[in-house]
Protein backbone atom coordinates (compact mmCIF):
# COMPACT_ATOMS: atom_id res chain seq x y z
CA MET A 1 -28.88 5.59 8.07
CA TRP A 2 -27.94 8.38 5.61
CA PHE A 3 -25.12 9.93 7.99
CA VAL A 4 -22.86 6.71 8.23
CA PHE A 5 -22.53 7.06 4.55
CA GLU A 6 -22.12 11.04 4.58
CA ASP A 7 -18.48 10.68 3.72
CA LEU A 8 -19.14 8.23 0.72
CA LYS A 9 -19.90 10.68 -2.16
CA LEU A 10 -16.36 12.30 -2.05
CA ARG A 11 -14.17 8.97 -1.25
CA SER A 12 -16.19 7.44 -4.18
CA LEU A 13 -15.37 9.94 -6.35
CA SER A 14 -11.96 10.05 -5.35
CA ALA A 15 -11.46 6.66 -5.58
CA LEU A 16 -13.07 6.17 -8.83
CA ILE A 17 -10.35 8.92 -10.11
CA LEU A 18 -7.60 6.59 -8.78
CA LEU A 19 -8.86 3.43 -10.87
CA SER A 20 -9.22 5.67 -13.44
CA VAL A 21 -5.33 6.40 -13.40
CA LEU A 22 -4.74 3.09 -13.13
CA PHE A 23 -6.37 1.38 -16.18
CA LEU A 24 -5.02 4.54 -18.36
CA LEU A 25 -1.35 3.56 -16.64
CA ALA A 26 -1.80 -0.26 -17.17
CA PHE A 27 -3.58 -0.04 -20.85
CA ILE A 28 -2.66 2.91 -22.54
CA ALA A 29 0.70 3.83 -21.15
CA PRO A 30 2.02 1.05 -19.25
CA PHE A 31 5.76 2.56 -19.62
CA LEU A 32 4.46 5.10 -16.57
CA ILE A 33 3.79 2.43 -14.42
CA THR A 34 7.77 2.16 -13.21
CA PRO A 35 8.00 5.81 -12.74
CA SER A 36 4.76 6.47 -11.08
CA LEU A 37 6.07 4.29 -8.63
CA TYR A 38 8.68 6.47 -8.00
CA VAL A 39 6.72 10.00 -7.96
CA LEU A 40 4.63 7.42 -5.52
CA ASN A 41 7.39 7.05 -3.47
CA ILE A 42 8.65 10.89 -3.12
CA LEU A 43 5.31 11.76 -2.53
CA PHE A 44 4.93 8.93 0.21
CA LEU A 45 8.16 10.32 1.98
CA ARG A 46 7.18 14.13 1.72
CA GLU A 47 3.72 13.05 3.94
CA LEU A 48 6.49 11.07 6.15
CA PHE A 49 8.92 14.18 6.63
CA LYS A 50 5.92 16.36 7.78
CA LEU A 51 4.64 13.46 10.26
CA PHE A 52 7.32 12.99 11.92
CA SER A 53 8.20 17.10 12.00
CA PHE A 54 12.18 16.35 9.74
CA LYS A 55 13.02 18.85 7.70
CA LYS A 56 16.17 20.36 7.54
CA GLU A 57 16.35 24.22 6.97
CA ARG A 58 17.86 24.10 3.43
CA LEU A 59 15.79 23.01 0.78
CA PHE A 60 18.95 21.49 -1.02
CA PHE A 61 19.66 18.90 1.53
CA ASN A 62 15.67 18.17 1.76
CA TYR A 63 15.86 16.99 -2.21
CA PHE A 64 19.08 15.47 -1.65
CA LEU A 65 17.20 13.54 1.37
CA ILE A 66 14.70 12.73 -0.91
CA THR A 67 16.72 11.54 -3.55
CA LEU A 68 18.92 9.71 -1.60
CA CYS A 69 15.53 7.47 0.00
CA VAL A 70 14.66 7.19 -4.12
CA PHE A 71 18.22 5.67 -5.11
CA PRO A 72 17.49 2.21 -4.10
CA LEU A 73 14.45 1.57 -5.87
CA TYR A 74 16.64 2.10 -8.90
CA PHE A 75 18.37 -1.72 -8.32
CA ALA A 76 14.75 -3.06 -7.46
CA GLN A 77 14.37 -4.33 -10.97
CA ILE A 78 17.92 -5.20 -11.40
CA ASN A 79 19.00 -6.78 -8.47
CA LEU A 80 16.89 -6.74 -5.44
CA SER A 81 19.83 -7.93 -2.92
CA ILE A 82 21.47 -4.57 -3.80
CA THR A 83 17.97 -2.47 -2.41
CA LEU A 84 17.96 -4.49 0.58
CA VAL A 85 21.60 -4.02 1.14
CA LEU A 86 21.55 -0.18 0.36
CA ASN A 87 18.12 0.28 2.48
CA LEU A 88 19.86 -1.46 5.03
CA CYS A 89 22.45 1.58 4.80
CA LEU A 90 19.39 3.95 4.34
CA PHE A 91 17.78 3.03 7.99
CA PHE A 92 21.15 3.50 9.75
CA PHE A 93 21.21 7.60 7.77
CA PHE A 94 18.63 8.39 9.48
CA LEU A 95 18.94 6.83 12.85
CA TYR A 96 21.83 9.12 12.96
CA PHE A 97 19.90 12.22 11.34
CA SER A 98 16.88 12.21 12.39
CA LYS A 99 17.26 10.19 16.45
CA SER A 100 13.52 8.64 15.08
CA LYS A 101 13.69 4.99 15.02
CA GLY A 102 10.17 5.29 13.76
CA LEU A 103 10.74 7.52 10.87
CA SER A 104 13.81 5.29 10.13
CA LEU A 105 11.89 1.99 10.49
CA PHE A 106 8.94 3.62 7.83
CA ILE A 107 11.26 5.17 5.35
CA ILE A 108 12.61 1.62 4.96
CA TYR A 109 8.97 0.31 5.06
CA VAL A 110 7.28 2.64 2.29
CA ASN A 111 10.77 2.03 0.20
CA LEU A 112 10.83 -1.53 0.39
CA SER A 113 7.28 -1.72 -0.28
CA ILE A 114 7.31 0.24 -3.81
CA SER A 115 10.66 -1.41 -4.53
CA PHE A 116 8.79 -4.59 -4.05
CA LEU A 117 6.26 -3.69 -6.16
CA LEU A 118 8.62 -2.58 -8.79
CA SER A 119 10.00 -6.05 -8.85
CA LEU A 120 6.81 -7.75 -9.54
CA ILE A 121 6.17 -5.74 -12.47
CA VAL A 122 9.04 -7.34 -14.53
CA SER A 123 8.80 -11.23 -12.26
CA PRO A 124 8.28 -14.25 -14.78
CA THR A 125 5.52 -15.58 -12.32
CA GLU A 126 2.38 -15.91 -12.61
CA ILE A 127 2.15 -13.31 -10.03
CA GLY A 128 4.71 -11.14 -12.28
CA GLY A 129 3.81 -8.30 -14.36
CA ILE A 130 1.68 -5.70 -15.29
CA SER A 131 -1.40 -7.21 -15.50
CA PHE A 132 -1.34 -9.01 -11.90
CA PHE A 133 -0.30 -5.45 -10.80
CA VAL A 134 -3.43 -4.75 -11.77
CA ILE A 135 -5.26 -7.19 -10.05
CA LEU A 136 -3.32 -7.02 -7.11
CA VAL A 137 -4.12 -3.48 -6.29
CA LEU A 138 -8.04 -4.07 -7.12
CA ALA A 139 -7.88 -6.99 -4.51
CA VAL A 140 -6.90 -4.95 -2.28
CA ALA A 141 -9.44 -2.07 -3.09
CA PHE A 142 -12.12 -4.70 -2.57
CA ALA A 143 -10.68 -5.40 0.74
CA ASP A 144 -10.95 -2.08 1.60
CA ILE A 145 -14.46 -1.40 0.17
CA GLY A 146 -15.54 -4.45 2.20
CA GLY A 147 -14.11 -3.46 5.41
CA TYR A 148 -15.67 0.13 4.92
CA PHE A 149 -18.95 -0.76 3.90
CA GLY A 150 -19.16 -3.92 6.39
CA GLY A 151 -18.04 -2.16 9.03
CA ARG A 152 -20.80 0.91 8.48
CA ILE A 153 -23.72 -1.72 7.51
CA ILE A 154 -23.44 -4.33 10.27
CA GLY A 155 -21.02 -2.85 13.15
CA GLY A 156 -20.45 -5.12 15.70
CA PRO A 157 -17.59 -5.76 17.23
CA LYS A 158 -14.09 -4.11 17.29
CA VAL A 159 -11.00 -5.98 16.45
CA LEU A 160 -8.30 -3.40 17.87
CA GLU A 161 -10.37 -0.44 19.19
CA LYS A 162 -7.48 1.37 20.88
CA ILE A 163 -5.91 1.28 17.47
CA SER A 164 -8.36 1.50 14.86
CA PRO A 165 -11.95 2.62 16.31
CA SER A 166 -13.91 2.17 13.23
CA LYS A 167 -12.67 -1.44 12.51
CA THR A 168 -15.36 -4.35 13.21
CA TRP A 169 -15.38 -8.11 12.44
CA ALA A 170 -17.41 -7.89 10.33
CA GLY A 171 -15.78 -5.64 8.30
CA ILE A 172 -13.13 -7.35 7.88
CA PHE A 173 -14.87 -10.84 7.24
CA VAL A 174 -16.79 -9.03 4.54
CA GLY A 175 -13.42 -7.41 3.08
CA TRP A 176 -12.16 -11.24 2.18
CA MET A 177 -14.96 -12.68 1.24
CA MET A 178 -15.25 -9.82 -1.79
CA VAL A 179 -11.62 -10.11 -2.13
CA ILE A 180 -12.36 -13.98 -2.65
CA THR A 181 -15.58 -13.56 -4.49
CA PHE A 182 -12.97 -11.46 -6.67
CA TYR A 183 -10.10 -14.03 -7.40
CA TYR A 184 -13.07 -16.51 -8.16
CA THR A 185 -14.68 -13.96 -10.55
CA LEU A 186 -11.37 -13.98 -12.20
CA ASP A 187 -10.75 -17.72 -11.99
CA SER A 188 -14.10 -18.12 -14.32
CA TYR A 189 -12.24 -16.95 -17.09
CA ASN A 190 -9.34 -19.49 -16.18
CA LEU A 191 -6.12 -17.07 -15.55
CA PHE A 192 -5.26 -18.90 -12.73
CA GLY A 193 -3.31 -22.37 -12.98
CA SER A 194 -4.44 -23.45 -9.77
CA ASP A 195 -6.18 -23.78 -6.49
CA PHE A 196 -3.20 -22.39 -4.76
CA PHE A 197 -4.26 -18.61 -5.94
CA VAL A 198 -7.30 -18.53 -3.65
CA PHE A 199 -5.20 -18.90 -0.59
CA VAL A 200 -2.84 -16.20 -2.36
CA PHE A 201 -6.28 -13.96 -2.48
CA LEU A 202 -7.04 -14.40 1.27
CA GLY A 203 -3.60 -13.55 1.88
CA ILE A 204 -4.07 -9.81 0.39
CA ALA A 205 -7.20 -9.63 2.01
CA ILE A 206 -5.62 -10.33 5.25
CA SER A 207 -2.07 -8.49 4.65
CA SER A 208 -4.28 -5.14 3.28
CA GLN A 209 -6.05 -5.18 6.32
CA VAL A 210 -2.77 -5.53 8.65
CA GLY A 211 -1.18 -2.47 6.86
CA ASP A 212 -4.11 -0.52 7.52
CA PHE A 213 -3.65 -1.41 11.45
CA ILE A 214 -0.24 -0.88 11.18
CA GLU A 215 -0.60 2.78 9.83
CA SER A 216 -3.53 3.62 12.06
CA TYR A 217 -0.92 2.70 15.12
CA ILE A 218 1.42 5.24 14.03
CA LYS A 219 -1.36 7.76 13.31
CA ARG A 220 -2.46 7.45 16.83
CA ASN A 221 0.73 7.20 18.58
CA LEU A 222 1.84 11.13 16.29
CA GLY A 223 -1.89 11.92 17.39
CA VAL A 224 -3.13 12.72 13.80
CA LYS A 225 -5.96 11.47 12.00
CA ASP A 226 -4.67 11.46 8.29
CA THR A 227 -1.28 11.91 6.97
CA GLY A 228 -2.27 14.38 4.72
CA LYS A 229 -5.32 15.91 2.85
CA ILE A 230 -4.00 15.33 -0.58
CA ILE A 231 -7.15 12.88 -1.38
CA PRO A 232 -10.77 14.27 -0.37
CA GLY A 233 -12.39 11.90 1.66
CA HIS A 234 -9.48 9.59 2.17
CA GLY A 235 -6.59 11.63 3.68
CA GLY A 236 -3.19 11.27 2.11
CA LEU A 237 -1.62 9.01 0.12
CA LEU A 238 -0.74 6.79 3.00
CA ASP A 239 -4.07 6.56 4.52
CA ARG A 240 -5.00 5.60 0.64
CA PHE A 241 -2.52 2.70 0.11
CA ASP A 242 -2.04 1.66 3.50
CA GLY A 243 -2.97 -1.78 2.39
CA LEU A 244 -1.54 -1.97 -0.70
CA ILE A 245 2.14 -1.29 1.38
CA PHE A 246 1.87 -3.86 3.38
CA THR A 247 0.39 -6.38 1.11
CA SER A 248 3.49 -6.16 -1.49
CA PHE A 249 5.86 -7.59 1.11
CA PHE A 250 3.26 -10.59 1.34
CA VAL A 251 2.90 -10.92 -2.76
CA LYS A 252 7.02 -10.64 -3.00
CA ILE A 253 6.87 -13.50 -0.84
CA ILE A 254 4.82 -15.73 -2.76
CA ASP A 255 6.50 -14.47 -5.74
CA VAL A 256 10.24 -15.36 -4.36
CA TYR A 257 8.55 -19.06 -3.36
CA LEU A 258 7.11 -19.37 -6.96
CA LYS A 259 10.94 -18.99 -8.24
CA ILE A 260 12.01 -21.76 -6.09
């Protein structure tokens, strides 16, 4: 059985470091969360450019492209509509320069994800603020942990084997259960106002796994195993945060609903 978890030690160490950084930012230096998301977005973009082999000869122009991608994020906490319009313009710009719909779409996908997270941090709703941001990241992590252990220990039928060979129905179910358990643990401290949030957390669990499948589909089409090697045991940053990237869309929709 040991060989099933041969990468567990490395994955656990990397995950522990990432969680330590999260708590450091959230509870000791919360003012660094926003710039950290900007940096994360830049690193995402660098991985994307490398994945799609999109690189201009002039270094200055590469920096210009990164800056152009990050610029819409500035408006995420001021006026999200401006961010959406700028990202639409960005899509056509990259479609023209790269001739790649895949790269153009993925840039907007990542950009909007970080924009929504930035917007959620300053949102006045129950799922806004730094505290819920930490909860969101932990919920996505629990969905991933449940999928890992459920798939490795229980195994069973695959979900979409051609896209992600290691994902099983057992892993998905265990991931859901871990997120719901996390919700009820938090709810025991009266952190949420209604049972509506059990559906929010279930949506987070499902969205996280959808995000995993989206990235697996992209990697399979590009013929790569990982998006990078920056995180030992996990691969690239896009590998590690794929669930959070898609989940941000779901949570932002709930945020808009709660504002109505």
